PDB file of N, CA and C in Angstrom:
ATOM      1  N   MET A   1       1.213 -11.967   5.802  1.00  0.00           N
ATOM      2  CA  MET A   1       1.257 -12.568   4.483  1.00  0.00           C
ATOM      3  C   MET A   1       2.300 -11.824   3.658  1.00  0.00           C
ATOM      4  N   THR A   2       3.181 -12.568   3.031  1.00  0.00           N
ATOM      5  CA  THR A   2       4.195 -11.972   2.169  1.00  0.00           C
ATOM      6  C   THR A   2       3.701 -11.938   0.730  1.00  0.00           C
ATOM      7  N   LYS A   3       4.457 -11.274  -0.114  1.00  0.00           N
ATOM      8  CA  LYS A   3       4.103 -11.220  -1.535  1.00  0.00           C
ATOM      9  C   LYS A   3       4.097 -12.632  -2.129  1.00  0.00           C
ATOM     10  N   THR A   4       5.048 -13.457  -1.719  1.00  0.00           N
ATOM     11  CA  THR A   4       5.103 -14.844  -2.191  1.00  0.00           C
ATOM     12  C   THR A   4       3.853 -15.605  -1.761  1.00  0.00           C
ATOM     13  N   ASP A   5       3.409 -15.409  -0.510  1.00  0.00           N
ATOM     14  CA  ASP A   5       2.186 -16.054  -0.028  1.00  0.00           C
ATOM     15  C   ASP A   5       0.974 -15.586  -0.839  1.00  0.00           C
ATOM     16  N   LEU A   6       0.935 -14.297  -1.146  1.00  0.00           N
ATOM     17  CA  LEU A   6      -0.159 -13.737  -1.933  1.00  0.00           C
ATOM     18  C   LEU A   6      -0.196 -14.375  -3.325  1.00  0.00           C
ATOM     19  N   ILE A   7       0.958 -14.476  -3.951  1.00  0.00           N
ATOM     20  CA  ILE A   7       1.040 -15.086  -5.286  1.00  0.00           C
ATOM     21  C   ILE A   7       0.565 -16.534  -5.232  1.00  0.00           C
ATOM     22  N   GLU A   8       0.994 -17.254  -4.212  1.00  0.00           N
ATOM     23  CA  GLU A   8       0.584 -18.653  -4.035  1.00  0.00           C
ATOM     24  C   GLU A   8      -0.931 -18.769  -3.906  1.00  0.00           C
ATOM     25  N   LYS A   9      -1.513 -17.916  -3.053  1.00  0.00           N
ATOM     26  CA  LYS A   9      -2.962 -17.967  -2.807  1.00  0.00           C
ATOM     27  C   LYS A   9      -3.748 -17.615  -4.070  1.00  0.00           C
ATOM     28  N   VAL A  10      -3.336 -16.566  -4.765  1.00  0.00           N
ATOM     29  CA  VAL A  10      -4.023 -16.167  -5.995  1.00  0.00           C
ATOM     30  C   VAL A  10      -3.884 -17.255  -7.058  1.00  0.00           C
ATOM     31  N   SER A  11      -2.712 -17.849  -7.150  1.00  0.00           N
ATOM     32  CA  SER A  11      -2.471 -18.911  -8.125  1.00  0.00           C
ATOM     33  C   SER A  11      -3.395 -20.105  -7.890  1.00  0.00           C
ATOM     34  N   LEU A  12      -3.625 -20.443  -6.626  1.00  0.00           N
ATOM     35  CA  LEU A  12      -4.506 -21.565  -6.304  1.00  0.00           C
ATOM     36  C   LEU A  12      -5.967 -21.259  -6.639  1.00  0.00           C
ATOM     37  N   GLN A  13      -6.341 -19.965  -6.598  1.00  0.00           N
ATOM     38  CA  GLN A  13      -7.728 -19.587  -6.850  1.00  0.00           C
ATOM     39  C   GLN A  13      -8.029 -19.329  -8.323  1.00  0.00           C
ATOM     40  N   THR A  14      -6.995 -19.264  -9.154  1.00  0.00           N
ATOM     41  CA  THR A  14      -7.215 -19.045 -10.584  1.00  0.00           C
ATOM     42  C   THR A  14      -7.154 -20.373 -11.310  1.00  0.00           C
ATOM     43  N   ASP A  15      -7.978 -20.506 -12.297  1.00  0.00           N
ATOM     44  CA  ASP A  15      -8.038 -21.757 -13.045  1.00  0.00           C
ATOM     45  C   ASP A  15      -7.121 -21.664 -14.255  1.00  0.00           C
ATOM     46  N   GLY A  16      -6.049 -22.435 -14.245  1.00  0.00           N
ATOM     47  CA  GLY A  16      -5.183 -22.505 -15.415  1.00  0.00           C
ATOM     48  C   GLY A  16      -3.990 -21.570 -15.407  1.00  0.00           C
ATOM     49  N   LEU A  17      -3.846 -20.690 -14.398  1.00  0.00           N
ATOM     50  CA  LEU A  17      -2.684 -19.795 -14.343  1.00  0.00           C
ATOM     51  C   LEU A  17      -1.591 -20.430 -13.491  1.00  0.00           C
ATOM     52  N   THR A  18      -0.379 -20.381 -13.989  1.00  0.00           N
ATOM     53  CA  THR A  18       0.756 -20.894 -13.224  1.00  0.00           C
ATOM     54  C   THR A  18       1.169 -19.861 -12.185  1.00  0.00           C
ATOM     55  N   LYS A  19       2.049 -20.284 -11.281  1.00  0.00           N
ATOM     56  CA  LYS A  19       2.564 -19.346 -10.282  1.00  0.00           C
ATOM     57  C   LYS A  19       3.346 -18.228 -10.957  1.00  0.00           C
ATOM     58  N   LYS A  20       4.088 -18.552 -12.002  1.00  0.00           N
ATOM     59  CA  LYS A  20       4.883 -17.543 -12.712  1.00  0.00           C
ATOM     60  C   LYS A  20       3.958 -16.514 -13.368  1.00  0.00           C
ATOM     61  N   GLN A  21       2.890 -16.955 -14.005  1.00  0.00           N
ATOM     62  CA  GLN A  21       1.933 -16.040 -14.627  1.00  0.00           C
ATOM     63  C   GLN A  21       1.250 -15.176 -13.565  1.00  0.00           C
ATOM     64  N   THR A  22       0.905 -15.791 -12.449  1.00  0.00           N
ATOM     65  CA  THR A  22       0.287 -15.050 -11.353  1.00  0.00           C
ATOM     66  C   THR A  22       1.252 -14.020 -10.789  1.00  0.00           C
ATOM     67  N   GLU A  23       2.536 -14.390 -10.660  1.00  0.00           N
ATOM     68  CA  GLU A  23       3.545 -13.459 -10.165  1.00  0.00           C
ATOM     69  C   GLU A  23       3.658 -12.239 -11.077  1.00  0.00           C
ATOM     70  N   ILE A  24       3.610 -12.460 -12.385  1.00  0.00           N
ATOM     71  CA  ILE A  24       3.675 -11.353 -13.346  1.00  0.00           C
ATOM     72  C   ILE A  24       2.490 -10.411 -13.156  1.00  0.00           C
ATOM     73  N   ILE A  25       1.308 -10.971 -12.981  1.00  0.00           N
ATOM     74  CA  ILE A  25       0.101 -10.153 -12.789  1.00  0.00           C
ATOM     75  C   ILE A  25       0.183  -9.358 -11.492  1.00  0.00           C
ATOM     76  N   VAL A  26       0.572 -10.008 -10.408  1.00  0.00           N
ATOM     77  CA  VAL A  26       0.683  -9.325  -9.110  1.00  0.00           C
ATOM     78  C   VAL A  26       1.719  -8.209  -9.195  1.00  0.00           C
ATOM     79  N   ASN A  27       2.859  -8.490  -9.814  1.00  0.00           N
ATOM     80  CA  ASN A  27       3.902  -7.461  -9.974  1.00  0.00           C
ATOM     81  C   ASN A  27       3.413  -6.298 -10.819  1.00  0.00           C
ATOM     82  N   MET A  28       2.651  -6.589 -11.878  1.00  0.00           N
ATOM     83  CA  MET A  28       2.108  -5.525 -12.720  1.00  0.00           C
ATOM     84  C   MET A  28       1.145  -4.648 -11.922  1.00  0.00           C
ATOM     85  N   LEU A  29       0.344  -5.257 -11.062  1.00  0.00           N
ATOM     86  CA  LEU A  29      -0.594  -4.508 -10.232  1.00  0.00           C
ATOM     87  C   LEU A  29       0.154  -3.568  -9.296  1.00  0.00           C
ATOM     88  N   PHE A  30       1.145  -4.099  -8.580  1.00  0.00           N
ATOM     89  CA  PHE A  30       1.915  -3.266  -7.654  1.00  0.00           C
ATOM     90  C   PHE A  30       2.694  -2.176  -8.392  1.00  0.00           C
ATOM     91  N   ASP A  31       3.263  -2.515  -9.541  1.00  0.00           N
ATOM     92  CA  ASP A  31       4.002  -1.515 -10.326  1.00  0.00           C
ATOM     93  C   ASP A  31       3.084  -0.391 -10.799  1.00  0.00           C
ATOM     94  N   SER A  32       1.859  -0.751 -11.185  1.00  0.00           N
ATOM     95  CA  SER A  32       0.892   0.263 -11.621  1.00  0.00           C
ATOM     96  C   SER A  32       0.534   1.203 -10.478  1.00  0.00           C
ATOM     97  N   ILE A  33       0.363   0.655  -9.289  1.00  0.00           N
ATOM     98  CA  ILE A  33       0.056   1.488  -8.118  1.00  0.00           C
ATOM     99  C   ILE A  33       1.239   2.408  -7.817  1.00  0.00           C
ATOM    100  N   LYS A  34       2.453   1.858  -7.823  1.00  0.00           N
ATOM    101  CA  LYS A  34       3.646   2.668  -7.539  1.00  0.00           C
ATOM    102  C   LYS A  34       3.826   3.770  -8.572  1.00  0.00           C
ATOM    103  N   ASP A  35       3.640   3.447  -9.862  1.00  0.00           N
ATOM    104  CA  ASP A  35       3.798   4.444 -10.921  1.00  0.00           C
ATOM    105  C   ASP A  35       2.768   5.567 -10.789  1.00  0.00           C
ATOM    106  N   ALA A  36       1.530   5.194 -10.466  1.00  0.00           N
ATOM    107  CA  ALA A  36       0.478   6.201 -10.316  1.00  0.00           C
ATOM    108  C   ALA A  36       0.794   7.129  -9.137  1.00  0.00           C
ATOM    109  N   LEU A  37       1.223   6.565  -8.021  1.00  0.00           N
ATOM    110  CA  LEU A  37       1.565   7.393  -6.862  1.00  0.00           C
ATOM    111  C   LEU A  37       2.757   8.293  -7.155  1.00  0.00           C
ATOM    112  N   ALA A  38       3.758   7.760  -7.832  1.00  0.00           N
ATOM    113  CA  ALA A  38       4.938   8.556  -8.181  1.00  0.00           C
ATOM    114  C   ALA A  38       4.554   9.720  -9.084  1.00  0.00           C
ATOM    115  N   GLY A  39       3.517   9.527  -9.897  1.00  0.00           N
ATOM    116  CA  GLY A  39       3.035  10.580 -10.779  1.00  0.00           C
ATOM    117  C   GLY A  39       2.057  11.531 -10.106  1.00  0.00           C
ATOM    118  N   GLY A  40       1.772  11.305  -8.831  1.00  0.00           N
ATOM    119  CA  GLY A  40       0.877  12.201  -8.103  1.00  0.00           C
ATOM    120  C   GLY A  40      -0.593  11.820  -8.190  1.00  0.00           C
ATOM    121  N   ASP A  41      -0.897  10.677  -8.802  1.00  0.00           N
ATOM    122  CA  ASP A  41      -2.291  10.248  -8.933  1.00  0.00           C
ATOM    123  C   ASP A  41      -2.780   9.563  -7.667  1.00  0.00           C
ATOM    124  N   LYS A  42      -4.098   9.487  -7.524  1.00  0.00           N
ATOM    125  CA  LYS A  42      -4.745   8.781  -6.424  1.00  0.00           C
ATOM    126  C   LYS A  42      -5.323   7.489  -6.988  1.00  0.00           C
ATOM    127  N   ILE A  43      -5.221   6.405  -6.258  1.00  0.00           N
ATOM    128  CA  ILE A  43      -5.787   5.128  -6.673  1.00  0.00           C
ATOM    129  C   ILE A  43      -6.909   4.783  -5.713  1.00  0.00           C
ATOM    130  N   GLU A  44      -8.092   4.547  -6.251  1.00  0.00           N
ATOM    131  CA  GLU A  44      -9.227   4.197  -5.411  1.00  0.00           C
ATOM    132  C   GLU A  44      -9.769   2.850  -5.852  1.00  0.00           C
ATOM    133  N   ILE A  45      -9.813   1.909  -4.909  1.00  0.00           N
ATOM    134  CA  ILE A  45     -10.354   0.581  -5.171  1.00  0.00           C
ATOM    135  C   ILE A  45     -11.580   0.439  -4.278  1.00  0.00           C
ATOM    136  N   ARG A  46     -12.747   0.553  -4.882  1.00  0.00           N
ATOM    137  CA  ARG A  46     -13.996   0.556  -4.127  1.00  0.00           C
ATOM    138  C   ARG A  46     -14.117  -0.706  -3.275  1.00  0.00           C
ATOM    139  N   GLY A  47     -14.517  -0.531  -2.038  1.00  0.00           N
ATOM    140  CA  GLY A  47     -14.676  -1.637  -1.111  1.00  0.00           C
ATOM    141  C   GLY A  47     -13.379  -2.034  -0.419  1.00  0.00           C
ATOM    142  N   PHE A  48     -12.253  -1.537  -0.911  1.00  0.00           N
ATOM    143  CA  PHE A  48     -10.956  -1.870  -0.317  1.00  0.00           C
ATOM    144  C   PHE A  48     -10.321  -0.651   0.331  1.00  0.00           C
ATOM    145  N   GLY A  49     -10.081   0.383  -0.477  1.00  0.00           N
ATOM    146  CA  GLY A  49      -9.492   1.598   0.064  1.00  0.00           C
ATOM    147  C   GLY A  49      -8.853   2.435  -1.021  1.00  0.00           C
ATOM    148  N   SER A  50      -8.132   3.466  -0.595  1.00  0.00           N
ATOM    149  CA  SER A  50      -7.490   4.349  -1.570  1.00  0.00           C
ATOM    150  C   SER A  50      -6.045   4.632  -1.152  1.00  0.00           C
ATOM    151  N   PHE A  51      -5.221   4.779  -2.157  1.00  0.00           N
ATOM    152  CA  PHE A  51      -3.821   5.134  -1.984  1.00  0.00           C
ATOM    153  C   PHE A  51      -3.637   6.537  -2.526  1.00  0.00           C
ATOM    154  N   ARG A  52      -2.862   7.351  -1.801  1.00  0.00           N
ATOM    155  CA  ARG A  52      -2.552   8.691  -2.295  1.00  0.00           C
ATOM    156  C   ARG A  52      -1.255   9.161  -1.666  1.00  0.00           C
ATOM    157  N   ILE A  53      -0.816  10.317  -2.097  1.00  0.00           N
ATOM    158  CA  ILE A  53       0.406  10.913  -1.577  1.00  0.00           C
ATOM    159  C   ILE A  53       0.026  12.031  -0.615  1.00  0.00           C
ATOM    160  N   ARG A  54       0.682  12.068   0.518  1.00  0.00           N
ATOM    161  CA  ARG A  54       0.511  13.169   1.465  1.00  0.00           C
ATOM    162  C   ARG A  54       1.820  13.943   1.549  1.00  0.00           C
ATOM    163  N   GLN A  55       1.680  15.239   1.701  1.00  0.00           N
ATOM    164  CA  GLN A  55       2.844  16.119   1.826  1.00  0.00           C
ATOM    165  C   GLN A  55       3.123  16.344   3.309  1.00  0.00           C
ATOM    166  N   ARG A  56       4.305  15.994   3.743  1.00  0.00           N
ATOM    167  CA  ARG A  56       4.698  16.264   5.138  1.00  0.00           C
ATOM    168  C   ARG A  56       5.486  17.559   5.181  1.00  0.00           C
ATOM    169  N   ARG A  57       5.156  18.418   6.111  1.00  0.00           N
ATOM    170  CA  ARG A  57       5.831  19.707   6.243  1.00  0.00           C
ATOM    171  C   ARG A  57       7.201  19.551   6.896  1.00  0.00           C
ATOM    172  N   THR A  58       8.025  20.577   6.725  1.00  0.00           N
ATOM    173  CA  THR A  58       9.303  20.628   7.418  1.00  0.00           C
ATOM    174  C   THR A  58       9.024  20.666   8.919  1.00  0.00           C
ATOM    175  N   ARG A  59       9.830  19.932   9.673  1.00  0.00           N
ATOM    176  CA  ARG A  59       9.620  19.908  11.122  1.00  0.00           C
ATOM    177  C   ARG A  59      10.952  19.756  11.836  1.00  0.00           C
ATOM    178  N   GLU A  60      10.904  19.997  13.119  1.00  0.00           N
ATOM    179  CA  GLU A  60      12.093  19.813  13.946  1.00  0.00           C
ATOM    180  C   GLU A  60      12.058  18.407  14.528  1.00  0.00           C
ATOM    181  N   GLY A  61      13.168  17.690  14.363  1.00  0.00           N
ATOM    182  CA  GLY A  61      13.290  16.355  14.923  1.00  0.00           C
ATOM    183  C   GLY A  61      14.432  16.331  15.921  1.00  0.00           C
ATOM    184  N   ARG A  62      14.739  15.138  16.416  1.00  0.00           N
ATOM    185  CA  ARG A  62      15.808  15.009  17.376  1.00  0.00           C
ATOM    186  C   ARG A  62      16.661  13.805  17.012  1.00  0.00           C
ATOM    187  N   ASN A  63      17.979  13.986  16.994  1.00  0.00           N
ATOM    188  CA  ASN A  63      18.900  12.889  16.750  1.00  0.00           C
ATOM    189  C   ASN A  63      18.914  12.014  18.006  1.00  0.00           C
ATOM    190  N   PRO A  64      18.503  10.735  17.888  1.00  0.00           N
ATOM    191  CA  PRO A  64      18.414   9.902  19.087  1.00  0.00           C
ATOM    192  C   PRO A  64      19.771   9.606  19.737  1.00  0.00           C
ATOM    193  N   LYS A  65      20.838   9.635  18.951  1.00  0.00           N
ATOM    194  CA  LYS A  65      22.172   9.374  19.516  1.00  0.00           C
ATOM    195  C   LYS A  65      22.695  10.552  20.317  1.00  0.00           C
ATOM    196  N   THR A  66      22.589  11.746  19.739  1.00  0.00           N
ATOM    197  CA  THR A  66      23.196  12.926  20.368  1.00  0.00           C
ATOM    198  C   THR A  66      22.201  13.783  21.135  1.00  0.00           C
ATOM    199  N   GLY A  67      20.924  13.649  20.821  1.00  0.00           N
ATOM    200  CA  GLY A  67      19.915  14.479  21.459  1.00  0.00           C
ATOM    201  C   GLY A  67      19.788  15.857  20.838  1.00  0.00           C
ATOM    202  N   GLN A  68      20.597  16.142  19.813  1.00  0.00           N
ATOM    203  CA  GLN A  68      20.546  17.449  19.155  1.00  0.00           C
ATOM    204  C   GLN A  68      19.297  17.576  18.296  1.00  0.00           C
ATOM    205  N   ASN A  69      18.771  18.793  18.216  1.00  0.00           N
ATOM    206  CA  ASN A  69      17.659  19.077  17.329  1.00  0.00           C
ATOM    207  C   ASN A  69      18.164  19.126  15.896  1.00  0.00           C
ATOM    208  N   VAL A  70      17.392  18.545  14.984  1.00  0.00           N
ATOM    209  CA  VAL A  70      17.727  18.579  13.569  1.00  0.00           C
ATOM    210  C   VAL A  70      16.487  18.971  12.783  1.00  0.00           C
ATOM    211  N   SER A  71      16.706  19.567  11.631  1.00  0.00           N
ATOM    212  CA  SER A  71      15.603  19.952  10.771  1.00  0.00           C
ATOM    213  C   SER A  71      15.299  18.797   9.817  1.00  0.00           C
ATOM    214  N   VAL A  72      14.052  18.353   9.827  1.00  0.00           N
ATOM    215  CA  VAL A  72      13.625  17.291   8.919  1.00  0.00           C
ATOM    216  C   VAL A  72      12.915  17.969   7.752  1.00  0.00           C
ATOM    217  N   PRO A  73      13.458  17.816   6.522  1.00  0.00           N
ATOM    218  CA  PRO A  73      12.865  18.518   5.379  1.00  0.00           C
ATOM    219  C   PRO A  73      11.483  17.978   5.020  1.00  0.00           C
ATOM    220  N   GLU A  74      10.723  18.788   4.286  1.00  0.00           N
ATOM    221  CA  GLU A  74       9.406  18.331   3.838  1.00  0.00           C
ATOM    222  C   GLU A  74       9.595  17.203   2.842  1.00  0.00           C
ATOM    223  N   LYS A  75       8.594  16.334   2.783  1.00  0.00           N
ATOM    224  CA  LYS A  75       8.669  15.215   1.844  1.00  0.00           C
ATOM    225  C   LYS A  75       7.277  14.701   1.533  1.00  0.00           C
ATOM    226  N   ARG A  76       7.205  13.938   0.452  1.00  0.00           N
ATOM    227  CA  ARG A  76       5.954  13.297   0.049  1.00  0.00           C
ATOM    228  C   ARG A  76       6.005  11.844   0.503  1.00  0.00           C
ATOM    229  N   VAL A  77       4.917  11.374   1.105  1.00  0.00           N
ATOM    230  CA  VAL A  77       4.868   9.998   1.588  1.00  0.00           C
ATOM    231  C   VAL A  77       3.582   9.323   1.112  1.00  0.00           C
ATOM    232  N   PRO A  78       3.648   8.021   0.810  1.00  0.00           N
ATOM    233  CA  PRO A  78       2.440   7.305   0.414  1.00  0.00           C
ATOM    234  C   PRO A  78       1.533   7.113   1.632  1.00  0.00           C
ATOM    235  N   PHE A  79       0.223   7.118   1.375  1.00  0.00           N
ATOM    236  CA  PHE A  79      -0.761   6.994   2.446  1.00  0.00           C
ATOM    237  C   PHE A  79      -1.886   6.094   1.954  1.00  0.00           C
ATOM    238  N   PHE A  80      -2.322   5.165   2.793  1.00  0.00           N
ATOM    239  CA  PHE A  80      -3.441   4.283   2.467  1.00  0.00           C
ATOM    240  C   PHE A  80      -4.580   4.544   3.436  1.00  0.00           C
ATOM    241  N   LYS A  81      -5.769   4.709   2.899  1.00  0.00           N
ATOM    242  CA  LYS A  81      -6.966   4.874   3.723  1.00  0.00           C
ATOM    243  C   LYS A  81      -7.901   3.712   3.410  1.00  0.00           C
ATOM    244  N   ALA A  82      -8.190   2.908   4.412  1.00  0.00           N
ATOM    245  CA  ALA A  82      -9.057   1.741   4.234  1.00  0.00           C
ATOM    246  C   ALA A  82     -10.483   2.173   3.941  1.00  0.00           C
ATOM    247  N   GLY A  83     -11.142   1.426   3.059  1.00  0.00           N
ATOM    248  CA  GLY A  83     -12.532   1.683   2.735  1.00  0.00           C
ATOM    249  C   GLY A  83     -13.460   1.137   3.808  1.00  0.00           C
ATOM    250  N   LYS A  84     -14.701   1.529   3.745  1.00  0.00           N
ATOM    251  CA  LYS A  84     -15.689   1.141   4.756  1.00  0.00           C
ATOM    252  C   LYS A  84     -15.816  -0.380   4.862  1.00  0.00           C
ATOM    253  N   GLU A  85     -15.911  -1.073   3.727  1.00  0.00           N
ATOM    254  CA  GLU A  85     -16.082  -2.532   3.751  1.00  0.00           C
ATOM    255  C   GLU A  85     -14.877  -3.223   4.380  1.00  0.00           C
ATOM    256  N   LEU A  86     -13.670  -2.760   4.066  1.00  0.00           N
ATOM    257  CA  LEU A  86     -12.463  -3.349   4.641  1.00  0.00           C
ATOM    258  C   LEU A  86     -12.406  -3.099   6.146  1.00  0.00           C
ATOM    259  N   LYS A  87     -12.750  -1.891   6.569  1.00  0.00           N
ATOM    260  CA  LYS A  87     -12.755  -1.575   7.999  1.00  0.00           C
ATOM    261  C   LYS A  87     -13.715  -2.491   8.752  1.00  0.00           C
ATOM    262  N   GLU A  88     -14.911  -2.685   8.194  1.00  0.00           N
ATOM    263  CA  GLU A  88     -15.911  -3.530   8.846  1.00  0.00           C
ATOM    264  C   GLU A  88     -15.460  -4.990   8.872  1.00  0.00           C
ATOM    265  N   LEU A  89     -14.833  -5.461   7.803  1.00  0.00           N
ATOM    266  CA  LEU A  89     -14.353  -6.837   7.740  1.00  0.00           C
ATOM    267  C   LEU A  89     -13.271  -7.079   8.789  1.00  0.00           C
ATOM    268  N   VAL A  90     -12.331  -6.157   8.906  1.00  0.00           N
ATOM    269  CA  VAL A  90     -11.239  -6.289   9.877  1.00  0.00           C
ATOM    270  C   VAL A  90     -11.779  -6.208  11.296  1.00  0.00           C
ATOM    271  N   ASP A  91     -12.792  -5.397  11.498  1.00  0.00           N
ATOM    272  CA  ASP A  91     -13.372  -5.210  12.822  1.00  0.00           C
ATOM    273  C   ASP A  91     -14.284  -6.377  13.212  1.00  0.00           C
ATOM    274  N   GLY A  92     -14.598  -7.244  12.254  1.00  0.00           N
ATOM    275  CA  GLY A  92     -15.437  -8.386  12.543  1.00  0.00           C
ATOM    276  C   GLY A  92     -16.918  -8.141  12.413  1.00  0.00           C
ATOM    277  N   ARG A  93     -17.279  -6.982  11.838  1.00  0.00           N
ATOM    278  CA  ARG A  93     -18.704  -6.640  11.695  1.00  0.00           C
ATOM    279  C   ARG A  93     -19.271  -7.036  10.334  1.00  0.00           C
ATOM    280  N   ALA A  94     -18.403  -7.464   9.413  1.00  0.00           N
ATOM    281  CA  ALA A  94     -18.893  -7.805   8.075  1.00  0.00           C
ATOM    282  C   ALA A  94     -18.604  -9.271   7.790  1.00  0.00           C
ATOM    283  N   GLU A  95     -19.408  -9.846   6.918  1.00  0.00           N
ATOM    284  CA  GLU A  95     -19.197 -11.236   6.511  1.00  0.00           C
ATOM    285  C   GLU A  95     -18.343 -11.277   5.258  1.00  0.00           C
ATOM    286  N   VAL A  96     -17.558 -12.328   5.113  1.00  0.00           N
ATOM    287  CA  VAL A  96     -16.663 -12.473   3.955  1.00  0.00           C
ATOM    288  C   VAL A  96     -17.450 -12.797   2.717  1.00  0.00           C
TER     289      VAL A  96
END
């Protein structure tokens, strides 16, 4: 499902909201999540999951073209952990 598909689906399920209004809401939601993560905050959506930042340590990597070892610097990466209800739904153990 793409972002456009998501906007379409949400628009069909809302009473009286246009696709453009729905797009604004969806974009605001994603922007809020991105801003919170960029600020180092954790986002927890009960029943769905949580988003947070993980710190990756410096490590040795390998250049696939040359085979030479290279140093990969430490960095912060976004991480999503699915909640219990989402895990069960995806696994087929929960009802919609």
